Amino acid sequence: MPVQNGDLMVIQHAGTTYKVSTDSLKTYFQNGVNIGAATATTLGTVKPGANLTVQADGTLDASLPGALVYKGTCDLTSAPTGADQTAPQIGFTFINTAVGTSTGWAPGIPDGTTVAKGEMVLWDGSKWDIIGLEPGVAGGVQTVTGTLPVEVGGTATDPVVSVKDAVAQGQTGATSGLISAVNQQKLDGIASGAQIGTVTNISATTPLHVANPTSTPALTVDDASTTAKGVVQLADAGAVTAGTAGRVVTADQLKSTNDAISAAAGGGITGIAGTAPITITGPNTAKVVAIADATSTVKGAVELATSPETAFDVGSPSSVLAVTPAGLKVNYMPLDINKLTQLP
């Protein structure tokens, strides 16, 4: 139907154009939108549950009593320092970085308790506890040793393990060890048993073929054909005259043939004409045929516009591109608005 006094707007959704009346829009907003509760498979509204609170600005907070909260490192051989250690909350957890006997962490960890680096210390609400390991029992690796090319440096508590670079046999300090990625790639490309200057295997691709590739290689080459690469034999004058199959001609033989054809043709094309919009230029021996561009008054060749170039708001509209029906349908409304789809 045509636009009525009660129609408010024309909108487009999912590629379809609709009319919206003031009455239908008013009814939609007055009735409101009911968003159901969320489920495991459906989006919806939720409300805070246990250990969840919502601030006035909508921020959701979570409180997990008793959860472990990592607060950094500590030194069990010295008294606690900092608010997190002197006034801890339940779940505060630290990693000990010192070796020796504890001081100041009683009653959970009595003074004089042997402690080890890496022990985890937890405040349970009333006292400190060492968890994961028994107090005084050193955890993890105690000693690290290595055999060449593995080397161990550093200290007993902070060992540094490394691997020496490989040194080739025949050189000073020859030893096994690490090699670079470049050298490994070179080794991967050498066949087993290969020696310097010795070829151990030969391979080839068509038209080459290899027999006995690892012992006494014999190479052969396929003859060329109209469908495959290969070797050819040049044609002599007799082969050219006889049209011998399998022979190929040289550039000078082709030139002689072309010269003979030119002489027989009497100098090439003697004349060619065209009717607008077809144009003919150039000498008789090299005519150029073309089609002139179309204008508002002359027939000729045109270029079709794309959909973006057809849009009404394109920055620089073309005056020479042709508009297609598809471009019109995508970018413009029909003159008869009754053809638009009624908004459900």
Protein backbone atom coordinates (compact mmCIF):
# COMPACT_ATOMS: atom_id res chain seq x y z
CA MET A 1 0.00 0.00 0.00
CA PRO A 2 1.22 3.62 -0.42
CA VAL A 3 2.56 5.66 2.48
CA GLN A 4 -0.28 6.82 4.80
CA ASN A 5 -0.48 9.67 7.32
CA GLY A 6 0.11 7.16 10.13
CA ASP A 7 3.31 5.73 8.58
CA LEU A 8 6.39 6.88 10.50
CA MET A 9 9.39 5.50 8.58
CA VAL A 10 10.68 3.06 5.98
CA ILE A 11 13.43 0.78 7.29
CA GLN A 12 15.54 -2.04 5.93
CA HIS A 13 16.34 -5.26 7.86
CA ALA A 14 18.21 -8.34 6.62
CA GLY A 15 17.99 -7.14 3.02
CA THR A 16 14.21 -6.48 3.14
CA THR A 17 12.51 -3.03 3.23
CA TYR A 18 9.58 -2.44 5.63
CA LYS A 19 7.09 0.36 6.49
CA VAL A 20 6.64 1.18 10.19
CA SER A 21 3.53 2.99 11.43
CA THR A 22 3.34 5.13 14.56
CA ASP A 23 0.66 2.84 16.00
CA SER A 24 2.75 -0.34 15.62
CA LEU A 25 5.81 1.38 17.14
CA LYS A 26 3.76 2.73 20.06
CA THR A 27 2.29 -0.71 20.78
CA TYR A 28 5.75 -2.32 20.74
CA PHE A 29 7.22 0.07 23.32
CA GLN A 30 4.11 0.12 25.54
CA ASN A 31 4.03 -3.67 25.79
CA GLY A 32 7.74 -3.75 26.64
CA VAL A 33 10.24 -6.54 26.04
CA ASN A 34 10.24 -9.53 28.39
CA ILE A 35 13.73 -11.06 28.77
CA GLY A 36 13.55 -14.47 30.41
CA ALA A 37 15.94 -15.99 32.88
CA ALA A 38 19.19 -17.42 31.53
CA THR A 39 19.63 -21.18 31.23
CA ALA A 40 22.52 -23.44 30.29
CA THR A 41 21.56 -23.07 26.61
CA THR A 42 19.67 -19.73 26.47
CA LEU A 43 20.81 -16.14 27.00
CA GLY A 44 18.82 -14.19 29.60
CA THR A 45 18.94 -12.33 32.90
CA VAL A 46 20.72 -13.58 36.04
CA LYS A 47 20.74 -12.54 39.73
CA PRO A 48 23.55 -12.75 42.29
CA GLY A 49 23.85 -15.98 44.26
CA ALA A 50 26.04 -17.14 47.13
CA ASN A 51 29.31 -15.21 47.57
CA LEU A 52 28.27 -12.70 44.86
CA THR A 53 27.34 -9.02 45.41
CA VAL A 54 26.45 -6.19 43.03
CA GLN A 55 27.65 -2.64 43.65
CA ALA A 56 25.52 0.45 42.95
CA ASP A 57 27.27 0.98 39.60
CA GLY A 58 26.51 -2.59 38.51
CA THR A 59 29.94 -4.07 39.30
CA LEU A 60 29.73 -7.76 40.28
CA ASP A 61 32.01 -8.85 43.16
CA ALA A 62 32.88 -12.41 44.18
CA SER A 63 33.96 -13.44 47.69
CA LEU A 64 35.54 -16.90 48.11
CA PRO A 65 36.28 -17.49 51.82
CA GLY A 66 39.24 -19.77 52.42
CA ALA A 67 40.54 -19.67 48.85
CA LEU A 68 44.31 -19.60 48.36
CA VAL A 69 45.61 -16.12 47.50
CA TYR A 70 49.25 -16.01 46.37
CA LYS A 71 50.91 -12.95 47.94
CA GLY A 72 54.53 -13.44 46.86
CA THR A 73 57.65 -14.72 48.63
CA CYS A 74 58.74 -14.79 52.26
CA ASP A 75 61.85 -15.50 54.36
CA LEU A 76 61.08 -18.06 57.08
CA THR A 77 64.47 -17.44 58.68
CA SER A 78 63.39 -13.87 59.57
CA ALA A 79 60.28 -12.47 61.27
CA PRO A 80 57.25 -11.66 59.05
CA THR A 81 57.30 -8.25 57.38
CA GLY A 82 54.67 -6.17 55.62
CA ALA A 83 50.91 -6.05 56.21
CA ASP A 84 50.25 -9.24 54.24
CA GLN A 85 52.47 -11.20 56.66
CA THR A 86 51.91 -9.34 59.96
CA ALA A 87 48.11 -9.05 59.51
CA PRO A 88 47.27 -11.85 57.06
CA GLN A 89 43.85 -13.01 55.91
CA ILE A 90 42.67 -16.59 55.55
CA GLY A 91 44.20 -18.15 52.45
CA PHE A 92 47.22 -15.83 52.14
CA THR A 93 50.03 -17.98 50.66
CA PHE A 94 53.77 -17.34 50.29
CA ILE A 95 56.79 -19.24 48.88
CA ASN A 96 59.83 -19.45 51.15
CA THR A 97 63.11 -18.28 49.56
CA ALA A 98 65.52 -19.00 52.43
CA VAL A 99 67.36 -22.07 53.77
CA GLY A 100 68.02 -22.49 57.53
CA THR A 101 65.87 -22.39 60.69
CA SER A 102 62.62 -20.50 61.16
CA THR A 103 62.30 -17.34 63.27
CA GLY A 104 59.12 -15.43 64.23
CA TRP A 105 56.51 -17.66 62.52
CA ALA A 106 55.26 -19.47 65.67
CA PRO A 107 53.00 -21.07 66.83
CA GLY A 108 52.30 -22.83 63.52
CA ILE A 109 55.99 -22.97 62.64
CA PRO A 110 58.00 -23.15 65.88
CA ASP A 111 61.21 -21.17 66.02
CA GLY A 112 64.22 -23.31 65.11
CA THR A 113 62.31 -25.42 62.59
CA THR A 114 64.54 -26.40 59.67
CA VAL A 115 63.11 -24.84 56.51
CA ALA A 116 63.93 -25.33 52.83
CA LYS A 117 63.75 -23.09 49.82
CA GLY A 118 60.54 -23.51 47.83
CA GLU A 119 58.27 -24.50 50.74
CA MET A 120 54.72 -23.07 50.56
CA VAL A 121 53.51 -21.16 53.64
CA LEU A 122 49.74 -20.71 54.33
CA TRP A 123 47.80 -18.65 56.93
CA ASP A 124 44.77 -20.78 57.99
CA GLY A 125 43.13 -18.06 60.06
CA SER A 126 44.95 -18.77 63.34
CA LYS A 127 48.47 -19.87 62.49
CA TRP A 128 51.02 -20.34 59.70
CA ASP A 129 51.41 -23.77 58.14
CA ILE A 130 53.95 -25.23 55.72
CA ILE A 131 51.96 -27.11 53.09
CA GLY A 132 53.02 -29.48 50.33
CA LEU A 133 56.10 -30.63 52.29
CA GLU A 134 56.71 -31.63 55.89
CA PRO A 135 58.38 -28.81 57.86
CA GLY A 136 62.14 -29.07 57.66
CA VAL A 137 62.12 -31.55 54.79
CA ALA A 138 63.89 -30.04 51.81
CA GLY A 139 61.79 -30.38 48.68
CA GLY A 140 62.64 -30.86 45.04
CA VAL A 141 66.02 -31.75 43.56
CA GLN A 142 68.87 -31.56 46.10
CA THR A 143 71.89 -32.18 43.87
CA VAL A 144 72.47 -31.76 40.15
CA THR A 145 75.42 -33.35 38.36
CA GLY A 146 76.23 -33.73 34.69
CA THR A 147 78.51 -35.63 32.33
CA LEU A 148 80.04 -33.92 29.30
CA PRO A 149 78.72 -32.38 27.18
CA VAL A 150 76.32 -31.48 30.06
CA GLU A 151 77.85 -28.97 32.47
CA VAL A 152 76.49 -27.81 35.85
CA GLY A 153 77.39 -24.43 37.28
CA GLY A 154 75.86 -21.98 39.74
CA THR A 155 75.35 -22.97 43.36
CA ALA A 156 73.86 -25.96 45.17
CA THR A 157 70.58 -24.10 45.67
CA ASP A 158 70.56 -22.40 42.27
CA PRO A 159 72.24 -24.77 39.79
CA VAL A 160 72.75 -23.70 36.18
CA VAL A 161 72.67 -26.57 33.67
CA SER A 162 74.04 -26.09 30.15
CA VAL A 163 75.21 -28.20 27.20
CA LYS A 164 78.52 -27.48 25.48
CA ASP A 165 78.71 -26.88 21.75
CA ALA A 166 79.95 -29.79 19.68
CA VAL A 167 83.57 -29.71 18.43
CA ALA A 168 84.38 -31.77 15.32
CA GLN A 169 86.82 -34.68 15.50
CA GLY A 170 90.37 -33.73 14.55
CA GLN A 171 90.04 -30.33 16.21
CA THR A 172 91.30 -29.31 19.63
CA GLY A 173 88.80 -30.23 22.35
CA ALA A 174 86.74 -32.50 20.09
CA THR A 175 83.55 -33.50 21.93
CA SER A 176 79.90 -34.25 21.48
CA GLY A 177 77.45 -31.42 22.10
CA LEU A 178 74.97 -29.04 20.56
CA ILE A 179 75.05 -28.16 16.85
CA SER A 180 73.32 -25.29 15.09
CA ALA A 181 70.12 -25.70 13.10
CA VAL A 182 72.05 -24.80 9.92
CA ASN A 183 74.59 -27.58 10.48
CA GLN A 184 71.83 -30.07 11.33
CA GLN A 185 70.07 -29.22 8.05
CA LYS A 186 73.32 -29.93 6.18
CA LEU A 187 73.66 -33.30 7.91
CA ASP A 188 70.06 -34.23 7.13
CA GLY A 189 70.81 -33.75 3.44
CA ILE A 190 73.78 -36.17 3.38
CA ALA A 191 73.06 -39.81 2.58
CA SER A 192 74.21 -42.51 4.99
CA GLY A 193 77.75 -43.69 4.19
CA ALA A 194 78.60 -40.70 2.02
CA GLN A 195 82.24 -39.59 1.89
CA ILE A 196 83.79 -36.30 0.81
CA GLY A 197 83.62 -36.00 -3.00
CA THR A 198 81.57 -39.19 -3.39
CA VAL A 199 78.10 -39.31 -4.99
CA THR A 200 76.06 -42.11 -3.45
CA ASN A 201 72.80 -41.72 -5.33
CA ILE A 202 71.49 -40.03 -8.49
CA SER A 203 67.85 -39.18 -9.12
CA ALA A 204 66.18 -37.53 -12.08
CA THR A 205 62.81 -36.21 -13.25
CA THR A 206 61.12 -36.74 -16.61
CA PRO A 207 62.30 -36.58 -19.37
CA LEU A 208 65.50 -37.83 -17.64
CA HIS A 209 65.65 -41.41 -16.31
CA VAL A 210 68.32 -43.14 -14.21
CA ALA A 211 69.16 -46.84 -14.14
CA ASN A 212 71.33 -48.24 -11.29
CA PRO A 213 71.25 -44.90 -9.38
CA THR A 214 73.41 -46.10 -6.46
CA SER A 215 76.08 -48.14 -8.30
CA THR A 216 76.72 -47.48 -12.01
CA PRO A 217 74.17 -44.82 -13.01
CA ALA A 218 73.01 -44.76 -16.64
CA LEU A 219 71.09 -41.69 -17.80
CA THR A 220 68.59 -41.65 -20.68
CA VAL A 221 66.35 -38.91 -22.08
CA ASP A 222 62.87 -39.32 -23.62
CA ASP A 223 62.15 -38.07 -27.12
CA ALA A 224 59.99 -34.95 -27.23
CA SER A 225 56.38 -35.14 -28.37
CA THR A 226 53.41 -32.80 -28.64
CA THR A 227 52.47 -33.69 -25.05
CA ALA A 228 55.83 -34.24 -23.30
CA LYS A 229 59.25 -32.60 -23.01
CA GLY A 230 62.31 -34.39 -24.39
CA VAL A 231 65.17 -34.29 -26.90
CA VAL A 232 64.68 -33.37 -30.58
CA GLN A 233 66.66 -33.58 -33.85
CA LEU A 234 67.05 -30.56 -36.12
CA ALA A 235 65.59 -30.76 -39.62
CA ASP A 236 67.78 -30.31 -42.68
CA ALA A 237 66.54 -28.89 -45.99
CA GLY A 238 65.42 -32.32 -47.15
CA ALA A 239 63.44 -32.95 -43.95
CA VAL A 240 61.75 -29.53 -44.27
CA THR A 241 60.77 -30.29 -47.89
CA ALA A 242 59.55 -33.78 -47.04
CA GLY A 243 57.85 -32.76 -43.78
CA THR A 244 59.68 -35.45 -41.80
CA ALA A 245 57.93 -36.14 -38.47
CA GLY A 246 59.86 -35.54 -35.25
CA ARG A 247 62.26 -32.96 -36.74
CA VAL A 248 62.32 -29.28 -35.65
CA VAL A 249 63.31 -26.25 -37.72
CA THR A 250 65.74 -23.47 -36.81
CA ALA A 251 65.18 -19.71 -36.76
CA ASP A 252 66.92 -19.19 -40.12
CA GLN A 253 64.72 -21.86 -41.74
CA LEU A 254 61.59 -20.11 -40.37
CA LYS A 255 62.83 -16.76 -41.69
CA SER A 256 63.28 -18.19 -45.18
CA THR A 257 59.73 -19.56 -45.08
CA ASN A 258 58.29 -16.24 -43.79
CA ASP A 259 60.11 -14.29 -46.48
CA ALA A 260 58.66 -16.59 -49.13
CA ILE A 261 55.14 -16.17 -47.73
CA SER A 262 55.49 -12.36 -47.65
CA ALA A 263 56.67 -12.29 -51.24
CA ALA A 264 53.78 -14.55 -52.32
CA ALA A 265 51.20 -12.35 -50.50
CA GLY A 266 52.28 -9.27 -52.44
CA GLY A 267 53.22 -7.16 -49.43
CA GLY A 268 50.43 -7.99 -46.96
CA ILE A 269 46.87 -6.61 -46.52
CA THR A 270 45.88 -4.09 -49.17
CA GLY A 271 42.84 -2.65 -47.44
CA ILE A 272 40.40 -2.97 -44.48
CA ALA A 273 37.49 -0.75 -43.47
CA GLY A 274 35.21 -0.38 -40.45
CA THR A 275 31.89 1.31 -39.61
CA ALA A 276 31.45 3.40 -36.41
CA PRO A 277 32.03 2.63 -33.60
CA ILE A 278 34.71 0.36 -35.19
CA THR A 279 37.92 2.27 -36.06
CA ILE A 280 40.83 1.19 -38.31
CA THR A 281 44.33 2.65 -37.92
CA GLY A 282 47.89 1.76 -38.91
CA PRO A 283 49.62 0.78 -42.15
CA ASN A 284 48.37 -2.06 -44.37
CA THR A 285 50.97 -4.42 -42.95
CA ALA A 286 49.90 -3.82 -39.33
CA LYS A 287 46.27 -2.69 -39.13
CA VAL A 288 44.81 -1.94 -35.67
CA VAL A 289 41.07 -2.55 -35.17
CA ALA A 290 39.39 -0.92 -32.17
CA ILE A 291 35.94 0.05 -30.80
CA ALA A 292 35.37 3.68 -29.78
CA ASP A 293 33.95 4.51 -26.32
CA ALA A 294 30.25 5.27 -26.17
CA THR A 295 28.95 8.78 -25.39
CA SER A 296 25.49 10.25 -24.90
CA THR A 297 25.27 10.76 -28.67
CA VAL A 298 27.46 8.04 -30.17
CA LYS A 299 27.29 4.24 -29.91
CA GLY A 300 30.36 2.45 -28.61
CA ALA A 301 31.89 0.29 -25.90
CA VAL A 302 30.87 0.82 -22.24
CA GLU A 303 32.09 -0.45 -18.87
CA LEU A 304 29.53 -1.74 -16.35
CA ALA A 305 29.42 -0.11 -12.91
CA THR A 306 29.73 -2.19 -9.75
CA SER A 307 27.11 -2.00 -6.98
CA PRO A 308 29.29 0.36 -4.83
CA GLU A 309 29.80 2.63 -7.87
CA THR A 310 26.00 2.74 -8.39
CA ALA A 311 25.22 3.88 -4.82
CA PHE A 312 23.53 7.29 -4.50
CA ASP A 313 26.14 8.50 -1.97
CA VAL A 314 29.28 7.50 -3.89
CA GLY A 315 31.95 10.20 -3.55
CA SER A 316 32.60 10.81 -7.27
CA PRO A 317 29.76 9.48 -9.45
CA SER A 318 30.94 8.24 -12.85
CA SER A 319 29.57 9.82 -16.02
CA VAL A 320 30.70 6.98 -18.27
CA LEU A 321 29.95 3.72 -16.41
CA ALA A 322 26.73 1.86 -17.27
CA VAL A 323 24.26 0.89 -14.48
CA THR A 324 22.92 -2.68 -14.39
CA PRO A 325 19.46 -3.75 -13.13
CA ALA A 326 21.21 -5.60 -10.32
CA GLY A 327 22.93 -2.38 -9.22
CA LEU A 328 19.62 -0.47 -9.24
CA LYS A 329 17.87 -3.15 -7.14
CA VAL A 330 20.60 -3.12 -4.47
CA ASN A 331 20.86 0.67 -4.09
CA TYR A 332 17.44 2.27 -4.86
CA MET A 333 13.79 1.88 -3.76
CA PRO A 334 11.15 0.99 -6.36
CA LEU A 335 8.96 3.79 -7.70
CA ASP A 336 5.89 1.77 -6.70
CA ILE A 337 6.14 1.47 -2.87
CA ASN A 338 3.45 -1.24 -2.93
CA LYS A 339 6.23 -3.59 -4.03
CA LEU A 340 7.94 -3.22 -0.64
CA THR A 341 7.40 -5.98 1.96
CA GLN A 342 4.97 -5.03 4.72
CA LEU A 343 6.63 -4.99 8.21
CA PRO A 344 5.29 -8.00 10.15
